Amino acid sequence: MSEHSKNEETKEKESLNFIEQIIEEDIRNGKHGGRVHTRFPPEPNGYLHIGHAKAICLNFEIAQKYGGKTNLRFDDTNPTTEETEYVDNIKRDIRWLGFDWDDREYYASDYFEQLYEFAVKLISKGLAYVDDSTPGEIAEMKGTPTVPGKESPYRNRSVGENLSLFRGMRAGDFPDGSKVLRAKIDMASSNMHMRDPIMYRIKRDHHHRTGDEWIIYPMYDFAHGQSDSIEKITHSLCSLEFIHHRPLYDWFIEKLEIFPSRQIEFARMNVSYMITSKRRLLKLVKEGYVSGWDDPRMPTISGMRRRGFPPAAIRTFCDKAGIAKRDNLIEISLLEFCVRDELNRTAPRVMAVLNPLKVVITNYPEGKVEYMEVENNPEDESMGTRTMPFSRELYIEREDFMEDPPKKYFRMGPGRDVRLKAGYILRCEGFEKDPATGAVTEVRCTYYPDSKSGEDTSGIKAKGTLHWVSAAHAKEAEVRLYDRLFTDPQPDSHEDKDYLEFFNEDSLQVVEKAYVEPSLAGAKPGDTFQFLRLGYFSADADSAGEKPVFNRTVTLKDTWAKMQGR
């Protein structure tokens, strides 16, 4: 091989993440006949969040890269917390992200009978036993990471007795919690997961798929690896929290002598100002901090979809965050950058006024209406143009006018000229105020008839350009300004404080009476726009009524960093 070829091969290897390196080594060695088969195995006990998005992208994209397949498997082994609603929403989220599992939709509950037989096999080999100890006694016998555990007094029951008791557990002969099945491994192991872990427990809860057929349920650690093996998964990609579970994963496969799936761990997605604990997210929902799992402030995929995040932006973010072996914290500003970058290219530009101030053009004919041509997106000419009505009375943003503006203020002020986007140049001649409050209620201007955008022959140079809407034609709308859910970049990392202490009380502000251009009257839920000079906004599902509702997806720039002095 030439030196050049060697260098190219070295560069290619360096560009691969460590999982790709493992897979390519397996393919070179002919392992599993060169097959690559992954799976995404969510527990249907909540909605998927940004961390799951990373796992989804990794599992599906790795398989696609190497011509393999990906299964969707629900690890539904805890009937107490699992619901069909979660199953349905998980499938919707994955498809929305742009992935499909074809006909490979499976459930751990599909394998309950086979998992039961696996347990019987381990009992028959003297590698599992029924324990009558209470949960408290089992926890005490486990010991600590530095103190060996103690063997259960039931550990040396005979194979025959254990088989009889386990069958009795399945038949419903014993009350909930009275007995468990444990693997017989090593109570002195330095790995706490290997100290005779529980495999089955009695739980008389209705299961979302099997109903009341089963009253014993396998623990996650027993069901997960064996389900991988049943499906002949070649590369079981898990987040780093499962690294200490791997010896147990391998032990079960080895002792059962079944297909040798391999578990590989990667760092989970930790994003600043977000939490990814489903238990803590559920608390936010149940205690009313948010309106639901799909609240646009939530780090759930459903929440991000409702807020207007494009799926392509989330995929790009996951790609840029990379695959690491150690946990790290990804800045939320990277996610917001990916959203802005995608929407800058794809979202139509429109005009909306959130804090309206009326402008009357005194020399513009009453009753006259012109239709101004406006480009939809200068980044993509194929998106074409639209027309906007222009009339004597307009609304502009209140912050775009000052009674006594400083020298470098290029918006509207007495005696100053300013251009309206796609419209005319106006000159401010005066204003009216509320005598009681002192607030400006109306601005009076004149316009230069020969200054129309695209046809300007006035020779007047206006330094500022404002957005606007025609008062007679604008559509009244509600606008919800969303910001980060927490004020601390790692709200759940403080041992002495509850994460709810960092809940951002200003994470939602509602503008009840904004005005948007008439073209937005027909906006459908999920349609996303750039409100000129204001940010990116998405039509909400609540828009089904008379009044459209828009969620702020993301600001035009990272204003949060400036506010935090970063």
Protein backbone atom coordinates (compact mmCIF):
# COMPACT_ATOMS: atom_id res chain seq x y z
CA MET A 1 0.00 0.00 0.00
CA SER A 2 1.37 3.45 -0.93
CA GLU A 3 2.09 6.11 1.72
CA HIS A 4 -0.74 8.22 0.30
CA SER A 5 -3.21 5.33 0.60
CA LYS A 6 -2.09 4.70 4.17
CA ASN A 7 -2.63 8.36 5.05
CA GLU A 8 -6.09 8.36 3.48
CA GLU A 9 -7.02 5.20 5.40
CA THR A 10 -5.76 6.76 8.64
CA LYS A 11 -7.83 9.93 8.02
CA GLU A 12 -10.94 7.85 7.33
CA LYS A 13 -10.47 5.88 10.56
CA GLU A 14 -9.98 9.09 12.54
CA SER A 15 -13.23 10.52 11.14
CA LEU A 16 -15.23 7.54 12.40
CA ASN A 17 -16.74 7.61 15.86
CA PHE A 18 -15.83 4.75 18.18
CA ILE A 19 -19.06 2.84 17.47
CA GLU A 20 -18.44 2.98 13.72
CA GLN A 21 -14.89 1.74 14.34
CA ILE A 22 -16.25 -1.26 16.27
CA ILE A 23 -18.79 -2.05 13.56
CA GLU A 24 -16.27 -1.78 10.74
CA GLU A 25 -13.91 -4.09 12.63
CA ASP A 26 -16.77 -6.60 13.07
CA ILE A 27 -17.59 -6.40 9.35
CA ARG A 28 -13.92 -6.95 8.40
CA ASN A 29 -13.82 -10.01 10.68
CA GLY A 30 -17.03 -11.41 9.19
CA LYS A 31 -18.80 -11.35 12.55
CA HIS A 32 -22.51 -12.21 12.17
CA GLY A 33 -21.84 -12.55 8.46
CA GLY A 34 -21.18 -8.82 8.22
CA ARG A 35 -24.75 -8.01 9.35
CA VAL A 36 -25.54 -4.78 11.22
CA HIS A 37 -28.82 -4.88 13.10
CA THR A 38 -29.65 -2.26 15.75
CA ARG A 39 -32.75 -1.44 17.75
CA PHE A 40 -34.32 1.53 19.51
CA PRO A 41 -35.87 0.20 22.74
CA PRO A 42 -37.95 2.88 24.54
CA GLU A 43 -39.92 2.16 27.69
CA PRO A 44 -43.50 3.40 27.05
CA ASN A 45 -43.72 5.25 30.38
CA GLY A 46 -43.49 8.83 29.09
CA TYR A 47 -42.84 10.96 26.03
CA LEU A 48 -39.49 10.89 24.23
CA HIS A 49 -37.05 13.74 24.90
CA ILE A 50 -33.93 15.24 23.30
CA GLY A 51 -31.78 12.41 24.70
CA HIS A 52 -33.96 9.86 22.94
CA ALA A 53 -33.62 11.88 19.72
CA LYS A 54 -29.88 11.25 19.83
CA ALA A 55 -30.40 7.51 20.40
CA ILE A 56 -32.95 7.34 17.57
CA CYS A 57 -30.63 9.10 15.12
CA LEU A 58 -27.68 6.94 16.15
CA ASN A 59 -29.46 3.59 15.88
CA PHE A 60 -31.24 4.28 12.60
CA GLU A 61 -28.40 6.15 10.88
CA ILE A 62 -25.74 3.60 11.86
CA ALA A 63 -27.86 0.81 10.38
CA GLN A 64 -28.57 2.84 7.23
CA LYS A 65 -24.86 3.60 6.77
CA TYR A 66 -23.92 -0.09 6.80
CA GLY A 67 -26.93 -1.41 4.88
CA GLY A 68 -28.49 -2.87 7.99
CA LYS A 69 -31.83 -2.76 9.79
CA THR A 70 -33.26 -1.16 12.92
CA ASN A 71 -36.04 -2.58 15.07
CA LEU A 72 -38.43 -0.56 17.18
CA ARG A 73 -38.95 -2.50 20.38
CA PHE A 74 -40.95 -1.31 23.35
CA ASP A 75 -39.45 -2.58 26.61
CA ASP A 76 -42.85 -2.84 28.27
CA THR A 77 -42.08 -4.84 31.40
CA ASN A 78 -43.60 -2.51 34.01
CA PRO A 79 -47.41 -2.35 33.63
CA THR A 80 -47.72 0.19 36.46
CA THR A 81 -46.24 3.07 34.45
CA GLU A 82 -46.86 2.10 30.82
CA GLU A 83 -49.71 3.32 28.61
CA THR A 84 -50.84 2.92 25.02
CA GLU A 85 -50.83 6.73 24.72
CA TYR A 86 -47.07 6.67 25.19
CA VAL A 87 -46.64 3.91 22.62
CA ASP A 88 -48.61 5.85 20.01
CA ASN A 89 -46.77 9.09 20.65
CA ILE A 90 -43.35 7.42 20.53
CA LYS A 91 -44.14 6.03 17.07
CA ARG A 92 -45.35 9.44 15.92
CA ASP A 93 -42.16 11.13 17.19
CA ILE A 94 -39.83 8.67 15.44
CA ARG A 95 -41.64 9.03 12.12
CA TRP A 96 -41.65 12.83 12.47
CA LEU A 97 -37.87 12.75 12.96
CA GLY A 98 -37.65 11.03 9.58
CA PHE A 99 -37.12 7.36 10.43
CA ASP A 100 -39.13 4.18 9.85
CA TRP A 101 -38.83 0.66 11.19
CA ASP A 102 -40.88 -0.92 8.36
CA ASP A 103 -42.56 -4.05 9.74
CA ARG A 104 -40.10 -4.50 12.61
CA GLU A 105 -42.25 -3.32 15.52
CA TYR A 106 -41.78 -5.50 18.57
CA TYR A 107 -42.54 -5.52 22.28
CA ALA A 108 -40.78 -7.20 25.18
CA SER A 109 -44.26 -8.44 26.06
CA ASP A 110 -44.17 -10.42 22.78
CA TYR A 111 -41.50 -12.53 24.46
CA PHE A 112 -43.03 -13.05 27.92
CA GLU A 113 -43.49 -16.78 27.36
CA GLN A 114 -39.98 -17.20 25.98
CA LEU A 115 -38.46 -15.10 28.78
CA TYR A 116 -40.32 -17.28 31.28
CA GLU A 117 -38.78 -20.37 29.69
CA PHE A 118 -35.35 -18.73 29.85
CA ALA A 119 -35.88 -18.24 33.58
CA VAL A 120 -36.90 -21.89 33.97
CA LYS A 121 -33.72 -22.89 32.16
CA LEU A 122 -31.56 -20.89 34.57
CA ILE A 123 -33.37 -22.42 37.55
CA SER A 124 -32.82 -25.88 36.09
CA LYS A 125 -29.10 -25.14 35.77
CA GLY A 126 -28.95 -24.06 39.42
CA LEU A 127 -28.39 -20.43 38.41
CA ALA A 128 -31.60 -18.87 39.76
CA TYR A 129 -33.69 -19.22 42.93
CA VAL A 130 -36.93 -17.98 44.47
CA ASP A 131 -36.38 -15.63 47.40
CA ASP A 132 -39.01 -14.96 50.09
CA SER A 133 -37.09 -12.02 51.58
CA THR A 134 -38.73 -8.60 51.76
CA PRO A 135 -37.46 -5.76 49.55
CA GLY A 136 -35.85 -4.19 52.61
CA GLU A 137 -34.08 -7.41 53.55
CA ILE A 138 -32.82 -7.91 49.99
CA ALA A 139 -31.48 -4.34 49.90
CA GLU A 140 -29.69 -4.87 53.23
CA MET A 141 -28.19 -8.18 52.05
CA LYS A 142 -26.80 -6.47 48.94
CA GLY A 143 -24.16 -4.71 51.04
CA THR A 144 -22.38 -1.62 49.69
CA PRO A 145 -19.82 -1.03 46.93
CA THR A 146 -17.09 -1.48 49.56
CA VAL A 147 -18.77 -4.13 51.73
CA PRO A 148 -19.62 -7.59 50.29
CA GLY A 149 -23.23 -8.70 50.35
CA LYS A 150 -24.69 -11.58 52.32
CA GLU A 151 -26.30 -14.63 50.81
CA SER A 152 -30.05 -15.01 51.17
CA PRO A 153 -31.21 -17.82 53.49
CA TYR A 154 -33.26 -19.06 50.50
CA ARG A 155 -30.29 -19.12 48.10
CA ASN A 156 -29.65 -22.85 48.38
CA ARG A 157 -33.14 -24.13 47.76
CA SER A 158 -33.19 -27.19 45.52
CA VAL A 159 -33.82 -26.93 41.81
CA GLY A 160 -37.10 -28.80 42.23
CA GLU A 161 -38.35 -26.48 44.98
CA ASN A 162 -37.39 -23.38 42.98
CA LEU A 163 -39.17 -24.68 39.87
CA SER A 164 -42.30 -25.43 41.89
CA LEU A 165 -42.29 -22.01 43.57
CA PHE A 166 -41.66 -20.16 40.32
CA ARG A 167 -44.56 -21.94 38.65
CA GLY A 168 -46.65 -21.02 41.67
CA MET A 169 -45.65 -17.37 41.26
CA ARG A 170 -46.93 -17.48 37.70
CA ALA A 171 -50.13 -19.28 38.71
CA GLY A 172 -51.01 -16.61 41.26
CA ASP A 173 -50.47 -18.74 44.37
CA PHE A 174 -48.68 -15.93 46.22
CA PRO A 175 -49.47 -12.28 46.98
CA ASP A 176 -47.70 -9.37 45.32
CA GLY A 177 -44.24 -8.71 46.69
CA SER A 178 -44.06 -11.93 48.66
CA LYS A 179 -41.50 -13.65 46.43
CA VAL A 180 -39.03 -12.78 43.69
CA LEU A 181 -36.83 -14.80 41.37
CA ARG A 182 -33.13 -13.93 41.64
CA ALA A 183 -30.12 -14.94 39.57
CA LYS A 184 -27.48 -16.83 41.56
CA ILE A 185 -24.22 -15.07 40.69
CA ASP A 186 -21.86 -13.58 43.31
CA MET A 187 -22.83 -11.68 46.44
CA ALA A 188 -19.22 -10.53 46.85
CA SER A 189 -18.89 -9.06 43.34
CA SER A 190 -17.46 -5.57 43.11
CA ASN A 191 -20.28 -4.85 40.66
CA MET A 192 -23.50 -4.38 42.66
CA HIS A 193 -25.58 -5.46 39.64
CA MET A 194 -24.02 -8.92 39.84
CA ARG A 195 -25.06 -9.52 43.45
CA ASP A 196 -27.92 -11.92 42.77
CA PRO A 197 -30.10 -9.46 40.83
CA ILE A 198 -33.87 -9.82 40.78
CA MET A 199 -35.19 -11.35 37.54
CA TYR A 200 -38.96 -11.55 38.21
CA ARG A 201 -41.44 -9.99 40.62
CA ILE A 202 -45.15 -10.55 41.30
CA LYS A 203 -47.25 -7.57 40.19
CA ARG A 204 -51.00 -7.82 39.66
CA ASP A 205 -51.34 -4.80 37.38
CA HIS A 206 -53.19 -4.60 34.09
CA HIS A 207 -50.75 -4.59 31.18
CA HIS A 208 -51.44 -2.34 28.18
CA ARG A 209 -51.05 -5.29 25.76
CA THR A 210 -51.32 -8.58 27.64
CA GLY A 211 -54.10 -7.46 29.96
CA ASP A 212 -54.32 -9.67 33.05
CA GLU A 213 -52.72 -12.72 31.45
CA TRP A 214 -49.50 -12.31 33.43
CA ILE A 215 -49.01 -11.52 37.09
CA ILE A 216 -45.23 -11.93 37.09
CA TYR A 217 -43.09 -9.56 35.09
CA PRO A 218 -39.40 -9.71 34.17
CA MET A 219 -37.09 -6.96 35.35
CA TYR A 220 -35.56 -4.72 32.71
CA ASP A 221 -32.09 -6.24 33.09
CA PHE A 222 -33.42 -9.71 32.41
CA ALA A 223 -35.77 -8.77 29.55
CA HIS A 224 -33.55 -6.34 27.69
CA GLY A 225 -30.57 -8.46 26.70
CA GLN A 226 -32.66 -11.52 26.00
CA SER A 227 -34.99 -9.51 23.76
CA ASP A 228 -31.92 -8.29 21.87
CA SER A 229 -30.81 -11.88 21.49
CA ILE A 230 -34.22 -13.13 20.35
CA GLU A 231 -34.21 -10.46 17.63
CA LYS A 232 -30.56 -11.25 16.78
CA ILE A 233 -29.48 -7.67 17.35
CA THR A 234 -25.79 -7.40 16.48
CA HIS A 235 -25.00 -4.07 18.14
CA SER A 236 -27.08 -3.05 21.16
CA LEU A 237 -26.35 0.67 21.57
CA CYS A 238 -27.12 1.98 25.06
CA SER A 239 -26.46 5.18 26.98
CA LEU A 240 -23.52 5.27 29.36
CA GLU A 241 -25.66 4.70 32.47
CA PHE A 242 -25.90 1.02 31.45
CA ILE A 243 -22.17 0.38 31.38
CA HIS A 244 -22.26 -1.32 34.79
CA HIS A 245 -25.16 -3.48 33.59
CA ARG A 246 -23.09 -4.93 30.74
CA PRO A 247 -21.48 -7.78 32.75
CA LEU A 248 -25.00 -8.92 33.73
CA TYR A 249 -26.19 -8.53 30.13
CA ASP A 250 -23.31 -10.79 29.01
CA TRP A 251 -23.78 -13.26 31.91
CA PHE A 252 -27.41 -14.00 31.01
CA ILE A 253 -26.56 -14.50 27.33
CA GLU A 254 -23.62 -16.77 28.17
CA LYS A 255 -25.50 -18.94 30.67
CA LEU A 256 -28.55 -19.25 28.41
CA GLU A 257 -26.31 -20.04 25.43
CA ILE A 258 -28.27 -17.78 23.11
CA PHE A 259 -27.39 -15.37 20.28
CA PRO A 260 -24.49 -13.18 21.50
CA SER A 261 -25.78 -9.62 21.10
CA ARG A 262 -23.18 -7.05 22.11
CA GLN A 263 -23.94 -4.02 24.27
CA ILE A 264 -22.01 -0.83 23.46
CA GLU A 265 -22.38 2.31 25.58
CA PHE A 266 -22.23 5.93 24.47
CA ALA A 267 -22.58 9.20 26.38
CA ARG A 268 -26.16 10.33 26.82
CA MET A 269 -27.34 13.69 25.51
CA ASN A 270 -27.09 16.27 28.29
CA VAL A 271 -28.17 19.72 27.09
CA SER A 272 -27.84 22.88 29.16
CA TYR A 273 -31.07 24.33 30.59
CA MET A 274 -32.86 21.01 29.94
CA ILE A 275 -33.55 17.91 32.00
CA THR A 276 -34.00 14.44 30.54
CA SER A 277 -35.34 12.50 33.52
CA LYS A 278 -38.81 11.21 32.60
CA ARG A 279 -39.70 11.07 36.29
CA ARG A 280 -38.89 14.76 36.70
CA LEU A 281 -40.58 15.70 33.45
CA LEU A 282 -43.70 13.85 34.61
CA LYS A 283 -43.63 15.89 37.83
CA LEU A 284 -43.62 19.11 35.79
CA VAL A 285 -46.72 17.87 33.97
CA LYS A 286 -48.60 16.56 36.99
CA GLU A 287 -47.93 19.60 39.18
CA GLY A 288 -48.96 22.07 36.48
CA TYR A 289 -45.63 23.75 35.81
CA VAL A 290 -46.29 23.08 32.13
CA SER A 291 -49.47 22.43 30.14
CA GLY A 292 -48.51 18.86 29.21
CA TRP A 293 -45.84 16.62 27.73
CA ASP A 294 -46.06 18.63 24.50
CA ASP A 295 -45.72 22.04 26.14
CA PRO A 296 -43.38 23.98 23.80
CA ARG A 297 -40.97 24.61 26.69
CA MET A 298 -40.48 20.91 27.34
CA PRO A 299 -37.37 19.08 26.04
CA THR A 300 -39.66 16.39 24.64
CA ILE A 301 -39.74 15.72 20.92
CA SER A 302 -43.48 16.51 20.99
CA GLY A 303 -42.78 19.81 22.74
CA MET A 304 -40.08 20.76 20.26
CA ARG A 305 -42.36 19.82 17.34
CA ARG A 306 -45.16 22.00 18.73
CA ARG A 307 -42.73 24.85 19.28
CA GLY A 308 -41.74 24.69 15.60
CA PHE A 309 -38.34 22.98 15.69
CA PRO A 310 -37.80 21.34 12.27
CA PRO A 311 -36.90 17.63 12.44
CA ALA A 312 -33.91 18.30 10.15
CA ALA A 313 -32.54 20.76 12.72
CA ILE A 314 -32.78 18.19 15.51
CA ARG A 315 -31.01 15.59 13.36
CA THR A 316 -28.26 18.12 12.54
CA PHE A 317 -27.89 18.98 16.23
CA CYS A 318 -27.50 15.31 17.16
CA ASP A 319 -24.88 14.94 14.44
CA LYS A 320 -22.94 18.02 15.57
CA ALA A 321 -23.09 16.95 19.22
CA GLY A 322 -21.27 13.78 18.17
CA ILE A 323 -20.87 10.38 19.80
CA ALA A 324 -18.70 10.35 22.90
CA LYS A 325 -17.60 7.78 25.47
CA ARG A 326 -17.86 10.19 28.41
CA ASP A 327 -20.79 12.27 29.59
CA ASN A 328 -20.57 15.92 28.65
CA LEU A 329 -22.81 18.97 28.53
CA ILE A 330 -23.92 20.28 25.14
CA GLU A 331 -24.77 23.97 24.97
CA ILE A 332 -28.41 24.65 24.15
CA SER A 333 -27.16 27.50 21.95
CA LEU A 334 -25.95 24.82 19.49
CA LEU A 335 -29.48 23.42 19.23
CA GLU A 336 -30.90 26.90 18.74
CA PHE A 337 -28.27 27.63 16.08
CA CYS A 338 -29.29 24.50 14.17
CA VAL A 339 -32.95 25.56 14.35
CA ARG A 340 -32.18 29.08 13.12
CA ASP A 341 -29.95 27.80 10.34
CA GLU A 342 -32.66 25.46 9.04
CA LEU A 343 -35.50 27.96 9.34
CA ASN A 344 -33.44 30.75 7.77
CA ARG A 345 -33.42 28.69 4.58
CA THR A 346 -36.94 27.25 4.72
CA ALA A 347 -39.29 29.59 6.61
CA PRO A 348 -41.22 32.30 4.71
CA ARG A 349 -40.66 35.89 5.91
CA VAL A 350 -43.86 37.58 7.05
CA MET A 351 -44.81 40.68 9.02
CA ALA A 352 -46.33 40.77 12.48
CA VAL A 353 -46.56 43.47 15.14
CA LEU A 354 -46.55 42.28 18.73
CA ASN A 355 -46.81 45.61 20.57
CA PRO A 356 -48.80 47.80 18.18
CA LEU A 357 -48.60 51.56 17.80
CA LYS A 358 -50.90 53.18 15.25
CA VAL A 359 -49.39 55.26 12.45
CA VAL A 360 -51.63 57.56 10.38
CA ILE A 361 -50.25 58.75 7.01
CA THR A 362 -51.99 62.10 6.77
CA ASN A 363 -51.31 62.73 3.06
CA TYR A 364 -52.28 59.23 1.92
CA PRO A 365 -55.80 59.12 0.41
CA GLU A 366 -58.50 57.78 2.71
CA GLY A 367 -59.98 54.51 1.47
CA LYS A 368 -57.08 53.82 -0.89
CA VAL A 369 -55.47 50.37 -0.73
CA GLU A 370 -52.30 49.34 -2.55
CA TYR A 371 -50.86 45.85 -2.69
CA MET A 372 -47.13 45.74 -2.13
CA GLU A 373 -45.06 42.87 -3.52
CA VAL A 374 -42.95 41.21 -0.83
CA GLU A 375 -40.38 38.42 -1.23
CA ASN A 376 -41.12 35.28 0.73
CA ASN A 377 -37.53 34.30 1.44
CA PRO A 378 -34.42 36.02 0.02
CA GLU A 379 -32.47 32.79 0.71
CA ASP A 380 -34.64 30.88 -1.76
CA GLU A 381 -35.99 32.72 -4.79
CA SER A 382 -38.09 29.69 -5.73
CA MET A 383 -40.39 30.54 -2.82
CA GLY A 384 -41.59 33.51 -4.86
CA THR A 385 -43.40 36.61 -3.64
CA ARG A 386 -46.75 37.62 -2.15
CA THR A 387 -48.70 40.87 -1.86
CA MET A 388 -49.57 42.81 1.28
CA PRO A 389 -52.27 45.48 1.56
CA PHE A 390 -51.04 49.01 2.33
CA SER A 391 -53.39 51.73 3.56
CA ARG A 392 -53.57 55.08 5.34
CA GLU A 393 -53.48 53.57 8.83
CA LEU A 394 -50.79 51.09 9.86
CA TYR A 395 -49.41 49.42 12.95
CA ILE A 396 -45.70 49.41 13.79
CA GLU A 397 -43.89 48.11 16.87
CA ARG A 398 -44.10 50.53 19.78
CA GLU A 399 -40.36 50.21 20.34
CA ASP A 400 -39.78 51.47 16.78
CA PHE A 401 -40.79 55.00 17.83
CA MET A 402 -39.12 57.41 20.25
CA GLU A 403 -40.26 60.92 21.17
CA ASP A 404 -36.70 62.16 21.60
CA PRO A 405 -34.42 59.64 19.89
CA PRO A 406 -30.62 59.66 20.29
CA LYS A 407 -28.43 60.45 17.30
CA LYS A 408 -27.75 56.84 16.27
CA TYR A 409 -31.39 55.74 16.56
CA PHE A 410 -32.44 54.96 12.98
CA ARG A 411 -36.08 54.15 13.54
CA MET A 412 -39.06 56.51 13.75
CA GLY A 413 -38.88 59.86 15.56
CA PRO A 414 -40.14 63.42 15.04
CA GLY A 415 -38.63 64.98 11.92
CA ARG A 416 -36.97 61.75 10.81
CA ASP A 417 -37.35 59.64 7.68
CA VAL A 418 -37.73 55.87 7.84
CA ARG A 419 -38.58 53.25 5.23
CA LEU A 420 -41.35 50.70 5.54
CA LYS A 421 -40.30 47.24 4.33
CA ALA A 422 -41.59 46.81 0.73
CA GLY A 423 -43.44 50.12 1.11
CA TYR A 424 -42.82 53.87 1.17
CA ILE A 425 -40.52 56.20 3.08
CA LEU A 426 -42.39 58.03 5.85
CA ARG A 427 -41.53 61.26 7.64
CA CYS A 428 -42.74 61.60 11.22
CA GLU A 429 -44.54 64.93 11.68
CA GLY A 430 -45.88 64.48 15.21
CA PHE A 431 -47.69 62.27 17.68
CA GLU A 432 -50.53 62.17 20.19
CA LYS A 433 -50.38 61.10 23.83
CA ASP A 434 -52.80 59.90 26.47
CA PRO A 435 -53.03 62.82 28.91
CA ALA A 436 -53.60 60.47 31.84
CA THR A 437 -50.70 58.09 31.27
CA GLY A 438 -48.37 60.03 29.00
CA ALA A 439 -48.19 57.05 26.63
CA VAL A 440 -47.97 57.74 22.90
CA THR A 441 -51.24 56.60 21.30
CA GLU A 442 -50.75 57.62 17.66
CA VAL A 443 -47.98 58.77 15.36
CA ARG A 444 -48.70 61.09 12.44
CA CYS A 445 -46.57 60.87 9.30
CA THR A 446 -46.46 61.91 5.69
CA TYR A 447 -45.20 59.74 2.89
CA TYR A 448 -43.14 60.44 -0.20
CA PRO A 449 -45.27 59.22 -3.15
CA ASP A 450 -42.20 58.63 -5.34
CA SER A 451 -40.41 56.50 -2.70
CA LYS A 452 -42.21 53.21 -3.25
CA SER A 453 -39.92 50.23 -2.76
CA GLY A 454 -38.55 48.98 -6.07
CA GLU A 455 -39.68 52.18 -7.83
CA ASP A 456 -37.98 54.79 -5.62
CA THR A 457 -37.02 58.00 -7.48
CA SER A 458 -37.21 60.29 -4.44
CA GLY A 459 -33.48 60.47 -3.79
CA ILE A 460 -34.18 60.36 -0.05
CA LYS A 461 -31.91 58.14 2.03
CA ALA A 462 -33.64 56.50 4.96
CA LYS A 463 -31.24 54.64 7.25
CA GLY A 464 -33.82 52.51 9.03
CA THR A 465 -36.37 49.97 7.72
CA LEU A 466 -39.43 48.95 9.76
CA HIS A 467 -41.96 46.14 9.47
CA TRP A 468 -45.65 46.98 9.57
CA VAL A 469 -49.19 45.77 8.91
CA SER A 470 -52.24 47.56 7.54
CA ALA A 471 -54.58 48.33 10.45
CA ALA A 472 -57.69 47.70 8.36
CA HIS A 473 -56.50 44.34 7.02
CA ALA A 474 -54.34 42.81 9.76
CA LYS A 475 -55.48 39.69 11.57
CA GLU A 476 -55.60 39.77 15.35
CA ALA A 477 -53.53 36.93 16.88
CA GLU A 478 -52.26 35.55 20.14
CA VAL A 479 -48.50 35.14 20.38
CA ARG A 480 -46.79 33.01 23.02
CA LEU A 481 -43.21 33.97 23.77
CA TYR A 482 -41.40 30.88 25.04
CA ASP A 483 -38.00 30.89 26.66
CA ARG A 484 -35.85 28.37 28.51
CA LEU A 485 -37.63 26.33 31.12
CA PHE A 486 -34.89 26.70 33.74
CA THR A 487 -32.61 29.54 34.81
CA ASP A 488 -29.68 27.24 35.63
CA PRO A 489 -27.74 25.35 32.92
CA GLN A 490 -27.78 22.16 35.04
CA PRO A 491 -30.89 22.42 37.22
CA ASP A 492 -30.79 18.79 38.37
CA SER A 493 -27.10 18.73 39.30
CA HIS A 494 -27.35 20.45 42.69
CA GLU A 495 -27.30 18.08 45.66
CA ASP A 496 -28.57 20.75 48.06
CA LYS A 497 -31.34 22.17 45.86
CA ASP A 498 -34.43 20.86 44.10
CA TYR A 499 -34.44 21.32 40.35
CA LEU A 500 -37.81 23.10 40.60
CA GLU A 501 -36.09 25.96 42.43
CA PHE A 502 -34.64 26.89 39.03
CA PHE A 503 -37.96 26.90 37.19
CA ASN A 504 -38.07 29.98 34.97
CA GLU A 505 -41.23 31.88 35.90
CA ASP A 506 -40.78 34.00 32.76
CA SER A 507 -40.47 31.03 30.41
CA LEU A 508 -43.90 31.88 28.94
CA GLN A 509 -45.25 35.34 28.21
CA VAL A 510 -48.50 35.72 26.29
CA VAL A 511 -49.22 38.59 23.92
CA GLU A 512 -52.98 38.47 23.73
CA LYS A 513 -53.48 41.08 21.02
CA ALA A 514 -50.84 41.08 18.32
CA TYR A 515 -51.49 41.82 14.65
CA VAL A 516 -50.27 39.69 11.74
CA GLU A 517 -50.51 40.21 8.00
CA PRO A 518 -53.67 38.76 6.42
CA SER A 519 -51.82 35.90 4.68
CA LEU A 520 -51.38 34.25 8.10
CA ALA A 521 -55.11 33.88 8.65
CA GLY A 522 -54.93 30.44 7.02
CA ALA A 523 -51.80 29.23 8.79
CA LYS A 524 -52.06 25.56 9.73
CA PRO A 525 -50.69 24.09 12.98
CA GLY A 526 -46.99 23.46 12.49
CA ASP A 527 -46.52 26.08 9.76
CA THR A 528 -43.39 28.05 10.64
CA PHE A 529 -42.47 31.61 9.69
CA GLN A 530 -39.91 34.26 10.33
CA PHE A 531 -41.67 37.29 11.75
CA LEU A 532 -39.40 40.00 10.30
CA ARG A 533 -37.07 41.44 12.94
CA LEU A 534 -38.77 39.45 15.71
CA GLY A 535 -37.80 35.79 15.41
CA TYR A 536 -39.17 32.48 14.16
CA PHE A 537 -42.73 31.50 15.04
CA SER A 538 -44.92 28.46 14.48
CA ALA A 539 -48.70 28.20 14.30
CA ASP A 540 -49.98 26.29 17.33
CA ALA A 541 -52.60 23.55 17.46
CA ASP A 542 -54.79 26.02 19.38
CA SER A 543 -55.08 28.00 16.12
CA ALA A 544 -58.10 25.91 15.19
CA GLY A 545 -60.37 28.70 16.45
CA GLU A 546 -61.16 32.17 15.08
CA LYS A 547 -57.94 33.69 16.42
CA PRO A 548 -54.62 32.24 15.22
CA VAL A 549 -52.03 31.39 17.89
CA PHE A 550 -48.30 31.47 17.24
CA ASN A 551 -45.46 30.09 19.37
CA ARG A 552 -42.05 31.69 19.31
CA THR A 553 -39.76 28.93 18.11
CA VAL A 554 -36.48 30.76 18.59
CA THR A 555 -35.21 34.33 18.55
CA LEU A 556 -33.29 35.69 15.56
CA LYS A 557 -30.11 35.81 17.64
CA ASP A 558 -28.89 34.31 20.89
CA THR A 559 -30.38 37.07 23.03
CA TRP A 560 -30.38 34.83 26.12
CA ALA A 561 -26.58 34.71 26.19
CA LYS A 562 -26.47 38.50 26.15
CA MET A 563 -29.00 38.75 28.98
CA GLN A 564 -26.99 36.30 31.07
CA GLY A 565 -23.76 38.23 30.42
CA ARG A 566 -22.17 35.24 28.72
